[in-house]
Amino acid sequence: MAVRSAALPERGFGTYSPTEWRAHARRCDLRYRLVVVAPAVAEVVQHLGGWLFDMRASGWEVIVPVSDPAAVRPLEILGAVPLDLEHWPAAAVREIRPDVLAIAVDSYRADLVPPLGGGHSETVLWGGLPPDELGRRMRPARHRVSVAGRAFKSCALTASGLRGVAGDCMETFWAGAEVSGARRLLELAPAG
């Protein structure tokens, strides 16, 4: 059982083409968009799965560009829209115009962040300590995962080949310190 966007075509599993996503984006232009950048789908599920489900359940468009289109089932369980990076040129990825960009610390350090340009109002880092150049601008934050979020995260963990139950009700991140309004919008609370 996966949370799906009613406006995206129901066509089974897999990533969405730029044409499909553009048509959807024109119909849903006012929806908040969260883009997640990570080296592997399993890492996204492990570190952000509950938060992504909760964001999607509250009406956000959750988009995850992936390099392996065969590994998207866990993302679909969480309600995320997987985009195939191979078929998305940099110009097309910029069209997403995210309100929030969630980046794995390793991806940030390795310069794997796609060239999204400006337009996102908040950056969230996860999966380690922020790089030194961002350390002063980022503060720890956390999200209390809903009961449904934990259940869907547990199913997504199983689908991604990770064992264990998503019993932890908190997920932690690094969020921009200067944007308190976005922190409320993101349903993140200061950690500590």
Protein backbone atom coordinates (compact mmCIF):
# COMPACT_ATOMS: atom_id res chain seq x y z
CA MET A 1 0.00 0.00 0.00
CA ALA A 2 1.65 3.18 -1.17
CA VAL A 3 0.62 6.80 -0.96
CA ARG A 4 0.32 8.06 -4.53
CA SER A 5 -0.31 11.45 -6.00
CA ALA A 6 -3.71 11.39 -7.64
CA ALA A 7 -2.51 13.59 -10.47
CA LEU A 8 0.42 11.40 -11.51
CA PRO A 9 -0.43 8.55 -13.86
CA GLU A 10 -1.03 5.15 -12.29
CA ARG A 11 1.18 2.92 -14.40
CA GLY A 12 2.83 0.51 -12.03
CA PHE A 13 6.29 0.89 -10.64
CA GLY A 14 9.15 2.96 -11.94
CA THR A 15 10.43 6.45 -12.40
CA TYR A 16 8.62 9.29 -14.12
CA SER A 17 9.79 10.81 -17.36
CA PRO A 18 10.40 14.56 -17.63
CA THR A 19 7.28 14.88 -19.81
CA GLU A 20 5.04 13.13 -17.25
CA TRP A 21 6.40 15.16 -14.37
CA ARG A 22 6.16 18.49 -16.23
CA ALA A 23 2.49 17.83 -17.02
CA HIS A 24 1.86 16.99 -13.38
CA ALA A 25 3.78 20.06 -12.15
CA ARG A 26 1.68 22.37 -14.32
CA ARG A 27 -1.50 20.95 -12.74
CA CYS A 28 -0.12 21.14 -9.18
CA ASP A 29 1.94 24.33 -9.30
CA LEU A 30 0.94 25.53 -5.82
CA ARG A 31 1.99 22.38 -3.98
CA TYR A 32 5.05 22.58 -1.74
CA ARG A 33 7.95 20.54 -3.12
CA LEU A 34 10.63 18.67 -1.20
CA VAL A 35 13.54 17.27 -3.23
CA VAL A 36 15.84 14.67 -1.65
CA VAL A 37 19.37 14.12 -2.97
CA ALA A 38 21.20 10.98 -1.83
CA PRO A 39 23.60 8.40 -3.21
CA ALA A 40 21.28 5.44 -2.49
CA VAL A 41 17.56 4.79 -2.00
CA ALA A 42 18.21 2.64 1.09
CA GLU A 43 19.91 5.59 2.81
CA VAL A 44 16.93 7.83 2.11
CA VAL A 45 14.55 5.29 3.62
CA GLN A 46 16.76 4.62 6.63
CA HIS A 47 17.39 8.26 7.56
CA LEU A 48 14.31 10.11 6.23
CA GLY A 49 11.60 7.52 5.59
CA GLY A 50 9.20 8.58 8.33
CA TRP A 51 9.63 12.29 7.62
CA LEU A 52 9.10 11.80 3.88
CA PHE A 53 5.91 9.84 4.49
CA ASP A 54 4.61 12.45 6.93
CA MET A 55 5.45 15.30 4.53
CA ARG A 56 3.69 13.49 1.66
CA ALA A 57 0.68 12.72 3.86
CA SER A 58 0.42 16.43 4.73
CA GLY A 59 0.22 17.39 1.05
CA TRP A 60 3.83 17.98 0.03
CA GLU A 61 5.23 16.69 -3.25
CA VAL A 62 8.24 14.55 -2.28
CA ILE A 63 10.65 14.06 -5.19
CA VAL A 64 13.73 11.83 -5.16
CA PRO A 65 16.01 11.75 -8.21
CA VAL A 66 17.52 8.24 -8.42
CA SER A 67 20.33 6.72 -10.42
CA ASP A 68 18.92 3.16 -10.22
CA PRO A 69 15.33 3.06 -11.54
CA ALA A 70 15.01 -0.58 -10.46
CA ALA A 71 15.29 0.35 -6.76
CA VAL A 72 12.35 2.75 -6.49
CA ARG A 73 9.77 0.53 -4.75
CA PRO A 74 10.72 1.72 -1.21
CA LEU A 75 10.24 5.33 -2.32
CA GLU A 76 6.85 4.53 -3.82
CA ILE A 77 5.79 2.92 -0.53
CA LEU A 78 6.56 6.24 1.18
CA GLY A 79 4.64 8.19 -1.46
CA ALA A 80 7.70 9.81 -3.04
CA VAL A 81 7.95 10.52 -6.76
CA PRO A 82 11.12 8.85 -8.11
CA LEU A 83 12.74 10.63 -11.06
CA ASP A 84 15.28 8.83 -13.25
CA LEU A 85 18.45 10.97 -13.24
CA GLU A 86 19.65 9.39 -16.49
CA HIS A 87 16.73 10.93 -18.40
CA TRP A 88 16.71 14.25 -16.54
CA PRO A 89 19.15 16.81 -17.91
CA ALA A 90 20.27 19.53 -15.51
CA ALA A 91 17.89 22.03 -17.09
CA ALA A 92 14.91 19.73 -16.46
CA VAL A 93 15.89 19.14 -12.83
CA ARG A 94 15.97 22.94 -12.29
CA GLU A 95 12.32 23.04 -13.30
CA ILE A 96 11.33 21.30 -10.06
CA ARG A 97 11.87 24.53 -8.07
CA PRO A 98 11.93 22.90 -4.62
CA ASP A 99 10.77 24.71 -1.52
CA VAL A 100 13.04 22.42 0.49
CA LEU A 101 16.18 20.60 -0.60
CA ALA A 102 17.20 17.69 1.65
CA ILE A 103 20.76 16.57 0.95
CA ALA A 104 22.76 13.66 2.33
CA VAL A 105 25.94 15.06 3.88
CA ASP A 106 28.03 12.66 1.77
CA SER A 107 26.33 13.88 -1.41
CA TYR A 108 26.98 17.49 -0.44
CA ARG A 109 30.65 16.76 0.23
CA ALA A 110 31.00 14.84 -3.04
CA ASP A 111 29.32 17.61 -5.06
CA LEU A 112 26.57 15.22 -6.15
CA VAL A 113 23.89 17.84 -5.64
CA PRO A 114 22.17 18.49 -8.98
CA PRO A 115 22.38 22.08 -10.22
CA LEU A 116 18.93 23.17 -9.04
CA GLY A 117 19.75 26.84 -9.06
CA GLY A 118 18.10 29.20 -6.61
CA GLY A 119 14.51 28.95 -5.63
CA HIS A 120 14.56 26.60 -2.67
CA SER A 121 13.85 28.33 0.58
CA GLU A 122 15.32 25.82 3.00
CA THR A 123 18.14 23.28 2.96
CA VAL A 124 18.15 20.26 5.25
CA LEU A 125 21.21 18.05 5.68
CA TRP A 126 21.09 14.53 7.07
CA GLY A 127 23.31 11.53 7.64
CA GLY A 128 26.23 13.10 9.49
CA LEU A 129 27.72 16.37 10.63
CA PRO A 130 27.45 19.32 8.23
CA PRO A 131 30.60 20.43 6.41
CA ASP A 132 32.66 23.13 8.12
CA GLU A 133 31.58 25.83 5.67
CA LEU A 134 27.93 25.25 6.62
CA GLY A 135 28.38 24.39 10.29
CA ARG A 136 27.55 27.85 11.66
CA ARG A 137 24.48 28.25 9.47
CA MET A 138 22.95 24.88 10.38
CA ARG A 139 21.28 23.84 13.62
CA PRO A 140 20.17 20.38 14.75
CA ALA A 141 16.48 19.71 14.26
CA ARG A 142 14.23 16.69 14.61
CA HIS A 143 10.91 15.37 13.39
CA ARG A 144 8.59 13.22 15.48
CA VAL A 145 7.46 10.49 13.07
CA SER A 146 3.77 9.64 13.14
CA VAL A 147 2.58 6.12 13.87
CA ALA A 148 1.61 5.73 10.21
CA GLY A 149 5.01 7.09 9.17
CA ARG A 150 6.75 4.43 11.27
CA ALA A 151 4.59 1.68 9.74
CA PHE A 152 5.24 2.81 6.16
CA LYS A 153 8.95 3.33 6.89
CA SER A 154 9.14 -0.22 8.22
CA CYS A 155 7.61 -1.57 4.98
CA ALA A 156 9.97 0.59 2.91
CA LEU A 157 12.97 -0.63 4.92
CA THR A 158 11.96 -4.22 4.18
CA ALA A 159 11.52 -3.42 0.48
CA SER A 160 14.98 -1.84 0.37
CA GLY A 161 16.58 -4.93 1.89
CA LEU A 162 17.25 -3.44 5.32
CA ARG A 163 16.17 -5.48 8.29
CA GLY A 164 14.54 -4.06 11.33
CA VAL A 165 11.49 -2.17 12.36
CA ALA A 166 11.26 1.59 12.20
CA GLY A 167 10.56 1.88 15.91
CA ASP A 168 12.42 5.14 16.47
CA CYS A 169 9.88 7.94 16.59
CA MET A 170 12.44 10.73 15.97
CA GLU A 171 14.48 11.50 12.89
CA THR A 172 17.22 14.10 13.15
CA PHE A 173 18.58 16.58 10.61
CA TRP A 174 20.53 19.76 10.24
CA ALA A 175 18.33 22.69 9.18
CA GLY A 176 19.19 26.28 8.31
CA ALA A 177 19.41 28.30 11.51
CA GLU A 178 18.15 31.56 10.03
CA VAL A 179 14.82 30.33 8.65
CA SER A 180 12.49 29.74 11.59
CA GLY A 181 9.29 29.99 9.51
CA ALA A 182 10.44 27.18 7.22
CA ARG A 183 11.29 25.09 10.27
CA ARG A 184 7.62 25.26 11.31
CA LEU A 185 6.57 24.58 7.74
CA LEU A 186 8.82 21.51 7.72
CA GLU A 187 7.40 20.27 11.03
CA LEU A 188 10.90 20.22 12.50
CA ALA A 189 11.62 21.10 16.10
CA PRO A 190 14.95 22.29 17.46
CA ALA A 191 16.95 19.36 18.81
CA GLY A 192 18.28 19.66 22.30
